[in-house]
Amino acid sequence: MVRCGTLPLRKLAIEYGASMVYSEEIIDRKIAMCRREVNTGTGLISYTYDDPNGSKKYVPAPVFVTYPNERVVFQMGTNNGPSALVAAQIVANDVRAFDINMGCPKHFSIQDGMGSALLCNPESSRDILSTLSRNLGEIPLTCKIRLLDTVQETVAHCR
């Protein structure tokens, strides 16, 4: 999903008939440091990262951009329930659903216990999903996983 879940492609997919689109994976800690801004001219909603160091050389760039009523699923990288909940609550009013990325095999994700590393840690997976489902009300929640070595292991993990 990297670089193919951005707003221009999502908008094009909807124009061609997609009923739902997914954002790129966005890490919970990153979105938690963003501020929400609405462009009054275009109506676009941007979540822009604020440099915690206040660097004057830093140019704020949007981490996530959407528009009102876009049918977007927010794909999140996370490794624990409390951090996932903070991030989810920030964007909850601007998305249709949440998807927890439990399938990414990239070093960046697995070194921090995210992505496919969660498949080896059912306790963290359970914590993330139960925390979000308990606190997000009616917002749908899904997770992307990879198949484990056997069908039985995959089903056991899902349960």
N, C-alpha and C. Protein backbone atom coordinates (compact mmCIF):
# COMPACT_ATOMS: atom_id res chain seq x y z
N MET A 1 0.81 -1.20 0.00
CA MET A 1 0.00 0.00 0.00
C MET A 1 0.85 1.26 0.00
N VAL A 2 2.15 1.13 0.25
CA VAL A 2 3.00 2.31 0.30
C VAL A 2 2.96 3.03 -1.04
N ARG A 3 2.74 4.31 -0.98
CA ARG A 3 2.65 5.21 -2.13
C ARG A 3 1.50 4.90 -3.07
N CYS A 4 0.61 3.99 -2.71
CA CYS A 4 -0.55 3.78 -3.58
C CYS A 4 -1.86 3.93 -2.81
N GLY A 5 -1.78 4.49 -1.63
CA GLY A 5 -2.99 4.77 -0.87
C GLY A 5 -3.14 6.26 -0.63
N THR A 6 -2.49 7.05 -1.47
CA THR A 6 -2.56 8.50 -1.31
C THR A 6 -3.87 9.02 -1.92
N LEU A 7 -4.21 10.24 -1.58
CA LEU A 7 -5.49 10.81 -1.99
C LEU A 7 -5.73 10.77 -3.50
N PRO A 8 -4.78 11.15 -4.36
CA PRO A 8 -5.09 11.14 -5.79
C PRO A 8 -5.52 9.76 -6.32
N LEU A 9 -4.83 8.70 -5.91
CA LEU A 9 -5.21 7.37 -6.38
C LEU A 9 -6.52 6.92 -5.75
N ARG A 10 -6.72 7.23 -4.48
CA ARG A 10 -7.99 6.87 -3.84
C ARG A 10 -9.16 7.55 -4.54
N LYS A 11 -8.99 8.83 -4.86
CA LYS A 11 -10.06 9.58 -5.52
C LYS A 11 -10.36 8.98 -6.90
N LEU A 12 -9.31 8.62 -7.62
CA LEU A 12 -9.48 8.00 -8.93
C LEU A 12 -10.21 6.65 -8.81
N ALA A 13 -9.83 5.88 -7.81
CA ALA A 13 -10.47 4.57 -7.60
C ALA A 13 -11.96 4.75 -7.32
N ILE A 14 -12.32 5.73 -6.53
CA ILE A 14 -13.74 5.99 -6.24
C ILE A 14 -14.47 6.43 -7.51
N GLU A 15 -13.82 7.28 -8.31
CA GLU A 15 -14.44 7.70 -9.57
C GLU A 15 -14.69 6.52 -10.51
N TYR A 16 -13.84 5.50 -10.42
CA TYR A 16 -14.01 4.31 -11.24
C TYR A 16 -14.89 3.25 -10.59
N GLY A 17 -15.50 3.58 -9.47
CA GLY A 17 -16.50 2.69 -8.89
C GLY A 17 -16.14 1.97 -7.61
N ALA A 18 -14.96 2.22 -7.04
CA ALA A 18 -14.62 1.56 -5.78
C ALA A 18 -15.59 2.03 -4.69
N SER A 19 -16.06 1.10 -3.89
CA SER A 19 -16.99 1.47 -2.84
C SER A 19 -16.25 1.87 -1.55
N MET A 20 -14.97 1.51 -1.47
CA MET A 20 -14.17 1.83 -0.29
C MET A 20 -12.71 1.84 -0.74
N VAL A 21 -11.91 2.71 -0.15
CA VAL A 21 -10.49 2.78 -0.46
C VAL A 21 -9.70 2.79 0.84
N TYR A 22 -8.41 2.45 0.75
CA TYR A 22 -7.54 2.38 1.91
C TYR A 22 -6.45 3.43 1.84
N SER A 23 -6.11 3.99 2.98
CA SER A 23 -4.98 4.91 3.04
C SER A 23 -3.70 4.10 3.05
N GLU A 24 -2.59 4.80 2.90
CA GLU A 24 -1.30 4.17 3.14
C GLU A 24 -1.23 3.82 4.61
N GLU A 25 -0.33 2.93 4.97
CA GLU A 25 -0.13 2.65 6.39
C GLU A 25 0.47 3.89 7.05
N ILE A 26 -0.16 4.31 8.13
CA ILE A 26 0.33 5.45 8.90
C ILE A 26 0.56 4.98 10.33
N ILE A 27 1.73 5.26 10.85
CA ILE A 27 2.10 4.80 12.18
C ILE A 27 1.37 5.62 13.24
N ASP A 28 0.85 4.93 14.24
CA ASP A 28 0.06 5.56 15.29
C ASP A 28 0.77 6.74 15.93
N ARG A 29 2.04 6.60 16.26
CA ARG A 29 2.76 7.68 16.94
C ARG A 29 2.90 8.92 16.05
N LYS A 30 2.96 8.71 14.75
CA LYS A 30 3.10 9.85 13.83
C LYS A 30 1.80 10.66 13.77
N ILE A 31 0.68 9.96 13.59
CA ILE A 31 -0.60 10.68 13.50
C ILE A 31 -0.93 11.34 14.84
N ALA A 32 -0.44 10.78 15.93
CA ALA A 32 -0.70 11.36 17.25
C ALA A 32 -0.01 12.71 17.42
N MET A 33 0.99 13.00 16.59
CA MET A 33 1.70 14.28 16.68
C MET A 33 1.24 15.25 15.60
N CYS A 34 0.09 14.97 15.00
CA CYS A 34 -0.40 15.82 13.91
C CYS A 34 -1.52 16.74 14.39
N ARG A 35 -1.68 17.81 13.66
CA ARG A 35 -2.81 18.70 13.91
C ARG A 35 -3.73 18.62 12.69
N ARG A 36 -5.01 18.73 12.94
CA ARG A 36 -6.02 18.68 11.88
C ARG A 36 -6.25 20.08 11.35
N GLU A 37 -6.23 20.21 10.02
CA GLU A 37 -6.48 21.48 9.38
C GLU A 37 -7.46 21.26 8.24
N VAL A 38 -8.39 22.20 8.06
CA VAL A 38 -9.33 22.14 6.95
C VAL A 38 -9.03 23.32 6.04
N ASN A 39 -8.81 23.03 4.76
CA ASN A 39 -8.59 24.07 3.77
C ASN A 39 -9.95 24.61 3.37
N THR A 40 -10.21 25.85 3.70
CA THR A 40 -11.54 26.41 3.43
C THR A 40 -11.81 26.57 1.94
N GLY A 41 -10.77 26.65 1.13
CA GLY A 41 -10.96 26.78 -0.31
C GLY A 41 -11.29 25.46 -0.99
N THR A 42 -10.58 24.40 -0.62
CA THR A 42 -10.76 23.10 -1.28
C THR A 42 -11.61 22.13 -0.47
N GLY A 43 -11.72 22.38 0.83
CA GLY A 43 -12.44 21.45 1.71
C GLY A 43 -11.59 20.28 2.16
N LEU A 44 -10.34 20.18 1.67
CA LEU A 44 -9.48 19.07 2.06
C LEU A 44 -9.15 19.14 3.55
N ILE A 45 -9.09 17.96 4.15
CA ILE A 45 -8.75 17.83 5.56
C ILE A 45 -7.36 17.24 5.61
N SER A 46 -6.44 17.96 6.25
CA SER A 46 -5.05 17.50 6.34
C SER A 46 -4.66 17.29 7.79
N TYR A 47 -3.93 16.23 8.02
CA TYR A 47 -3.32 15.98 9.31
C TYR A 47 -1.83 16.22 9.11
N THR A 48 -1.35 17.30 9.69
CA THR A 48 0.02 17.75 9.45
C THR A 48 0.86 17.55 10.69
N TYR A 49 2.02 16.98 10.47
CA TYR A 49 2.98 16.69 11.53
C TYR A 49 3.62 17.97 12.01
N ASP A 50 3.62 18.16 13.30
CA ASP A 50 4.31 19.30 13.90
C ASP A 50 5.67 18.83 14.38
N ASP A 51 6.72 19.51 13.96
CA ASP A 51 8.07 19.17 14.41
C ASP A 51 8.17 19.45 15.90
N PRO A 52 8.39 18.41 16.71
CA PRO A 52 8.44 18.63 18.16
C PRO A 52 9.62 19.49 18.59
N ASN A 53 10.64 19.60 17.72
CA ASN A 53 11.81 20.41 18.06
C ASN A 53 11.65 21.86 17.63
N GLY A 54 10.58 22.17 16.92
CA GLY A 54 10.33 23.54 16.48
C GLY A 54 11.36 24.05 15.49
N SER A 55 11.93 23.17 14.71
CA SER A 55 12.96 23.56 13.75
C SER A 55 12.39 24.53 12.71
N LYS A 56 13.08 25.62 12.49
CA LYS A 56 12.66 26.58 11.48
C LYS A 56 12.93 26.07 10.07
N LYS A 57 13.82 25.08 9.94
CA LYS A 57 14.13 24.51 8.64
C LYS A 57 13.08 23.48 8.22
N TYR A 58 12.32 23.01 9.18
CA TYR A 58 11.32 21.98 8.91
C TYR A 58 10.10 22.58 8.23
N VAL A 59 9.69 21.99 7.12
CA VAL A 59 8.49 22.44 6.42
C VAL A 59 7.40 21.41 6.69
N PRO A 60 6.33 21.80 7.38
CA PRO A 60 5.27 20.83 7.69
C PRO A 60 4.69 20.21 6.42
N ALA A 61 4.56 18.92 6.44
CA ALA A 61 3.97 18.19 5.32
C ALA A 61 2.83 17.34 5.84
N PRO A 62 1.75 17.25 5.09
CA PRO A 62 0.63 16.43 5.55
C PRO A 62 1.03 14.95 5.64
N VAL A 63 0.60 14.32 6.71
CA VAL A 63 0.81 12.88 6.90
C VAL A 63 -0.37 12.12 6.30
N PHE A 64 -1.55 12.71 6.40
CA PHE A 64 -2.77 12.09 5.90
C PHE A 64 -3.68 13.20 5.39
N VAL A 65 -4.22 13.01 4.19
CA VAL A 65 -5.14 13.98 3.60
C VAL A 65 -6.38 13.25 3.14
N THR A 66 -7.53 13.82 3.41
CA THR A 66 -8.80 13.26 2.97
C THR A 66 -9.74 14.41 2.64
N TYR A 67 -10.93 14.09 2.25
CA TYR A 67 -11.93 15.11 2.02
C TYR A 67 -13.22 14.66 2.68
N PRO A 68 -14.13 15.58 2.96
CA PRO A 68 -15.35 15.20 3.66
C PRO A 68 -16.09 14.07 2.94
N ASN A 69 -16.49 13.08 3.70
CA ASN A 69 -17.27 11.94 3.22
C ASN A 69 -16.52 11.02 2.27
N GLU A 70 -15.19 11.09 2.23
CA GLU A 70 -14.43 10.11 1.45
C GLU A 70 -14.64 8.74 2.10
N ARG A 71 -14.79 7.73 1.32
CA ARG A 71 -15.00 6.38 1.85
C ARG A 71 -13.63 5.71 2.07
N VAL A 72 -12.88 6.24 3.04
CA VAL A 72 -11.51 5.79 3.26
C VAL A 72 -11.38 4.98 4.55
N VAL A 73 -10.64 3.90 4.44
CA VAL A 73 -10.27 3.09 5.59
C VAL A 73 -8.87 3.55 5.99
N PHE A 74 -8.70 3.90 7.23
CA PHE A 74 -7.41 4.36 7.74
C PHE A 74 -6.60 3.14 8.15
N GLN A 75 -5.51 2.88 7.40
CA GLN A 75 -4.64 1.73 7.70
C GLN A 75 -3.56 2.19 8.68
N MET A 76 -3.51 1.52 9.82
CA MET A 76 -2.62 1.94 10.90
C MET A 76 -1.56 0.90 11.22
N GLY A 77 -0.35 1.39 11.42
CA GLY A 77 0.72 0.57 11.97
C GLY A 77 0.81 0.86 13.46
N THR A 78 0.79 -0.18 14.25
CA THR A 78 0.82 -0.02 15.71
C THR A 78 1.36 -1.29 16.35
N ASN A 79 1.75 -1.18 17.60
CA ASN A 79 2.17 -2.38 18.33
C ASN A 79 1.51 -2.49 19.70
N ASN A 80 0.59 -1.54 20.01
CA ASN A 80 -0.12 -1.67 21.28
C ASN A 80 -1.44 -0.92 21.25
N GLY A 81 -2.35 -1.37 22.07
CA GLY A 81 -3.71 -0.83 22.10
C GLY A 81 -3.82 0.63 22.48
N PRO A 82 -3.18 1.08 23.55
CA PRO A 82 -3.32 2.48 23.93
C PRO A 82 -2.84 3.47 22.85
N SER A 83 -1.71 3.19 22.23
CA SER A 83 -1.21 4.07 21.16
C SER A 83 -2.14 4.05 19.96
N ALA A 84 -2.65 2.87 19.63
CA ALA A 84 -3.59 2.75 18.51
C ALA A 84 -4.85 3.56 18.79
N LEU A 85 -5.33 3.52 20.01
CA LEU A 85 -6.55 4.24 20.36
C LEU A 85 -6.35 5.75 20.27
N VAL A 86 -5.23 6.25 20.75
CA VAL A 86 -4.96 7.69 20.65
C VAL A 86 -5.00 8.12 19.19
N ALA A 87 -4.32 7.38 18.33
CA ALA A 87 -4.28 7.72 16.90
C ALA A 87 -5.67 7.62 16.28
N ALA A 88 -6.38 6.56 16.59
CA ALA A 88 -7.71 6.36 16.01
C ALA A 88 -8.67 7.48 16.41
N GLN A 89 -8.61 7.90 17.64
CA GLN A 89 -9.51 8.96 18.10
C GLN A 89 -9.23 10.29 17.41
N ILE A 90 -7.99 10.49 16.98
CA ILE A 90 -7.64 11.74 16.30
C ILE A 90 -8.33 11.83 14.94
N VAL A 91 -8.37 10.73 14.19
CA VAL A 91 -8.91 10.77 12.82
C VAL A 91 -10.31 10.16 12.70
N ALA A 92 -10.87 9.68 13.78
CA ALA A 92 -12.13 8.92 13.73
C ALA A 92 -13.27 9.63 13.00
N ASN A 93 -13.37 10.93 13.12
CA ASN A 93 -14.48 11.64 12.49
C ASN A 93 -14.30 11.83 10.99
N ASP A 94 -13.12 11.51 10.47
CA ASP A 94 -12.84 11.73 9.06
C ASP A 94 -12.63 10.45 8.26
N VAL A 95 -12.82 9.29 8.88
CA VAL A 95 -12.64 8.03 8.17
C VAL A 95 -13.86 7.14 8.36
N ARG A 96 -13.97 6.12 7.50
CA ARG A 96 -15.13 5.21 7.58
C ARG A 96 -14.83 3.95 8.38
N ALA A 97 -13.54 3.59 8.48
CA ALA A 97 -13.16 2.35 9.16
C ALA A 97 -11.68 2.40 9.48
N PHE A 98 -11.23 1.44 10.28
CA PHE A 98 -9.82 1.29 10.60
C PHE A 98 -9.36 -0.11 10.22
N ASP A 99 -8.13 -0.18 9.73
CA ASP A 99 -7.51 -1.46 9.40
C ASP A 99 -6.15 -1.50 10.07
N ILE A 100 -5.92 -2.49 10.91
CA ILE A 100 -4.63 -2.64 11.57
C ILE A 100 -3.75 -3.51 10.68
N ASN A 101 -2.58 -2.98 10.37
CA ASN A 101 -1.65 -3.70 9.50
C ASN A 101 -0.90 -4.75 10.32
N MET A 102 -1.26 -6.00 10.11
CA MET A 102 -0.59 -7.13 10.76
C MET A 102 0.05 -8.02 9.70
N GLY A 103 0.40 -7.43 8.56
CA GLY A 103 0.95 -8.23 7.49
C GLY A 103 2.25 -7.73 6.90
N CYS A 104 2.64 -6.50 7.20
CA CYS A 104 3.82 -5.91 6.57
C CYS A 104 5.09 -6.63 7.05
N PRO A 105 5.89 -7.15 6.12
CA PRO A 105 7.12 -7.84 6.51
C PRO A 105 8.36 -6.95 6.50
N LYS A 106 8.18 -5.65 6.22
CA LYS A 106 9.32 -4.75 6.13
C LYS A 106 10.02 -4.60 7.48
N HIS A 107 11.34 -4.47 7.42
CA HIS A 107 12.15 -4.35 8.63
C HIS A 107 11.66 -3.20 9.53
N PHE A 108 11.32 -2.08 8.90
CA PHE A 108 10.84 -0.93 9.66
C PHE A 108 9.69 -1.31 10.59
N SER A 109 8.75 -2.10 10.08
CA SER A 109 7.59 -2.48 10.89
C SER A 109 7.92 -3.54 11.92
N ILE A 110 8.58 -4.58 11.48
CA ILE A 110 8.78 -5.71 12.40
C ILE A 110 9.79 -5.42 13.51
N GLN A 111 10.75 -4.52 13.26
CA GLN A 111 11.72 -4.21 14.32
C GLN A 111 11.06 -3.53 15.51
N ASP A 112 9.91 -2.91 15.27
CA ASP A 112 9.20 -2.22 16.35
C ASP A 112 7.96 -2.99 16.80
N GLY A 113 7.85 -4.25 16.40
CA GLY A 113 6.74 -5.08 16.84
C GLY A 113 5.44 -4.83 16.12
N MET A 114 5.52 -4.17 14.96
CA MET A 114 4.31 -3.89 14.17
C MET A 114 4.25 -4.84 12.99
N GLY A 115 3.24 -4.65 12.13
CA GLY A 115 3.13 -5.44 10.91
C GLY A 115 3.07 -6.93 11.20
N SER A 116 3.81 -7.71 10.41
CA SER A 116 3.74 -9.16 10.56
C SER A 116 4.34 -9.65 11.87
N ALA A 117 5.08 -8.80 12.59
CA ALA A 117 5.58 -9.20 13.92
C ALA A 117 4.42 -9.48 14.86
N LEU A 118 3.28 -8.84 14.63
CA LEU A 118 2.11 -9.09 15.48
C LEU A 118 1.59 -10.52 15.34
N LEU A 119 1.90 -11.17 14.23
CA LEU A 119 1.45 -12.54 14.05
C LEU A 119 2.18 -13.50 14.99
N CYS A 120 3.30 -13.06 15.52
CA CYS A 120 4.04 -13.86 16.50
C CYS A 120 3.71 -13.43 17.93
N ASN A 121 2.82 -12.48 18.05
CA ASN A 121 2.49 -11.94 19.36
C ASN A 121 0.97 -11.79 19.50
N PRO A 122 0.28 -12.90 19.72
CA PRO A 122 -1.18 -12.83 19.80
C PRO A 122 -1.70 -11.95 20.94
N GLU A 123 -0.91 -11.79 22.00
CA GLU A 123 -1.35 -10.95 23.11
C GLU A 123 -1.44 -9.49 22.67
N SER A 124 -0.44 -9.02 21.94
CA SER A 124 -0.48 -7.64 21.45
C SER A 124 -1.59 -7.47 20.43
N SER A 125 -1.75 -8.44 19.55
CA SER A 125 -2.83 -8.38 18.56
C SER A 125 -4.18 -8.24 19.26
N ARG A 126 -4.39 -9.07 20.26
CA ARG A 126 -5.65 -9.05 21.02
C ARG A 126 -5.83 -7.71 21.72
N ASP A 127 -4.76 -7.19 22.32
CA ASP A 127 -4.82 -5.91 23.02
C ASP A 127 -5.22 -4.79 22.07
N ILE A 128 -4.61 -4.74 20.91
CA ILE A 128 -4.92 -3.69 19.93
C ILE A 128 -6.37 -3.77 19.49
N LEU A 129 -6.78 -4.95 19.05
CA LEU A 129 -8.13 -5.10 18.51
C LEU A 129 -9.21 -4.92 19.58
N SER A 130 -8.98 -5.45 20.77
CA SER A 130 -10.01 -5.31 21.81
C SER A 130 -10.08 -3.86 22.31
N THR A 131 -8.94 -3.19 22.44
CA THR A 131 -8.94 -1.79 22.87
C THR A 131 -9.70 -0.93 21.87
N LEU A 132 -9.42 -1.12 20.59
CA LEU A 132 -10.10 -0.32 19.57
C LEU A 132 -11.58 -0.66 19.50
N SER A 133 -11.92 -1.93 19.48
CA SER A 133 -13.34 -2.29 19.34
C SER A 133 -14.16 -1.84 20.54
N ARG A 134 -13.56 -1.84 21.72
CA ARG A 134 -14.26 -1.37 22.93
C ARG A 134 -14.52 0.13 22.90
N ASN A 135 -13.64 0.88 22.26
CA ASN A 135 -13.67 2.33 22.37
C ASN A 135 -14.10 3.09 21.13
N LEU A 136 -14.23 2.44 20.00
CA LEU A 136 -14.55 3.16 18.77
C LEU A 136 -16.01 3.12 18.39
N GLY A 137 -16.82 2.52 19.20
CA GLY A 137 -18.25 2.49 18.91
C GLY A 137 -18.56 1.69 17.66
N GLU A 138 -19.27 2.31 16.75
CA GLU A 138 -19.75 1.62 15.54
C GLU A 138 -18.78 1.65 14.37
N ILE A 139 -17.62 2.26 14.53
CA ILE A 139 -16.66 2.33 13.42
C ILE A 139 -16.10 0.93 13.15
N PRO A 140 -16.23 0.45 11.91
CA PRO A 140 -15.71 -0.90 11.60
C PRO A 140 -14.20 -0.99 11.80
N LEU A 141 -13.76 -2.17 12.19
CA LEU A 141 -12.35 -2.45 12.46
C LEU A 141 -11.97 -3.76 11.79
N THR A 142 -10.91 -3.72 11.00
CA THR A 142 -10.41 -4.93 10.35
C THR A 142 -8.90 -5.01 10.60
N CYS A 143 -8.31 -6.12 10.21
CA CYS A 143 -6.85 -6.22 10.24
C CYS A 143 -6.39 -7.04 9.04
N LYS A 144 -5.27 -6.62 8.50
CA LYS A 144 -4.66 -7.31 7.38
C LYS A 144 -3.62 -8.25 7.97
N ILE A 145 -3.70 -9.53 7.61
CA ILE A 145 -2.73 -10.49 8.12
C ILE A 145 -2.10 -11.26 6.97
N ARG A 146 -1.10 -12.02 7.28
CA ARG A 146 -0.49 -12.97 6.35
C ARG A 146 -0.83 -14.36 6.85
N LEU A 147 -0.84 -15.30 5.93
CA LEU A 147 -1.05 -16.68 6.34
C LEU A 147 0.17 -17.15 7.12
N LEU A 148 -0.06 -17.90 8.17
CA LEU A 148 1.03 -18.50 8.93
C LEU A 148 1.43 -19.81 8.24
N ASP A 149 2.27 -20.60 8.86
CA ASP A 149 2.79 -21.81 8.21
C ASP A 149 1.69 -22.81 7.85
N THR A 150 0.66 -22.87 8.69
CA THR A 150 -0.45 -23.80 8.39
C THR A 150 -1.77 -23.05 8.54
N VAL A 151 -2.80 -23.62 7.93
CA VAL A 151 -4.14 -23.05 8.06
C VAL A 151 -4.57 -23.07 9.52
N GLN A 152 -4.25 -24.16 10.21
CA GLN A 152 -4.63 -24.28 11.62
C GLN A 152 -4.01 -23.17 12.47
N GLU A 153 -2.73 -22.86 12.23
CA GLU A 153 -2.08 -21.79 12.99
C GLU A 153 -2.72 -20.43 12.69
N THR A 154 -3.05 -20.22 11.44
CA THR A 154 -3.68 -18.95 11.03
C THR A 154 -5.04 -18.80 11.70
N VAL A 155 -5.84 -19.83 11.67
CA VAL A 155 -7.17 -19.78 12.29
C VAL A 155 -7.05 -19.61 13.80
N ALA A 156 -6.10 -20.30 14.41
CA ALA A 156 -5.91 -20.18 15.86
C ALA A 156 -5.52 -18.75 16.23
N HIS A 157 -4.65 -18.15 15.45
CA HIS A 157 -4.26 -16.76 15.73
C HIS A 157 -5.45 -15.82 15.59
N CYS A 158 -6.24 -16.02 14.56
CA CYS A 158 -7.40 -15.17 14.35
C CYS A 158 -8.40 -15.29 15.49
N ARG A 159 -8.55 -16.48 16.01
CA ARG A 159 -9.48 -16.65 17.13
C ARG A 159 -8.96 -15.98 18.37
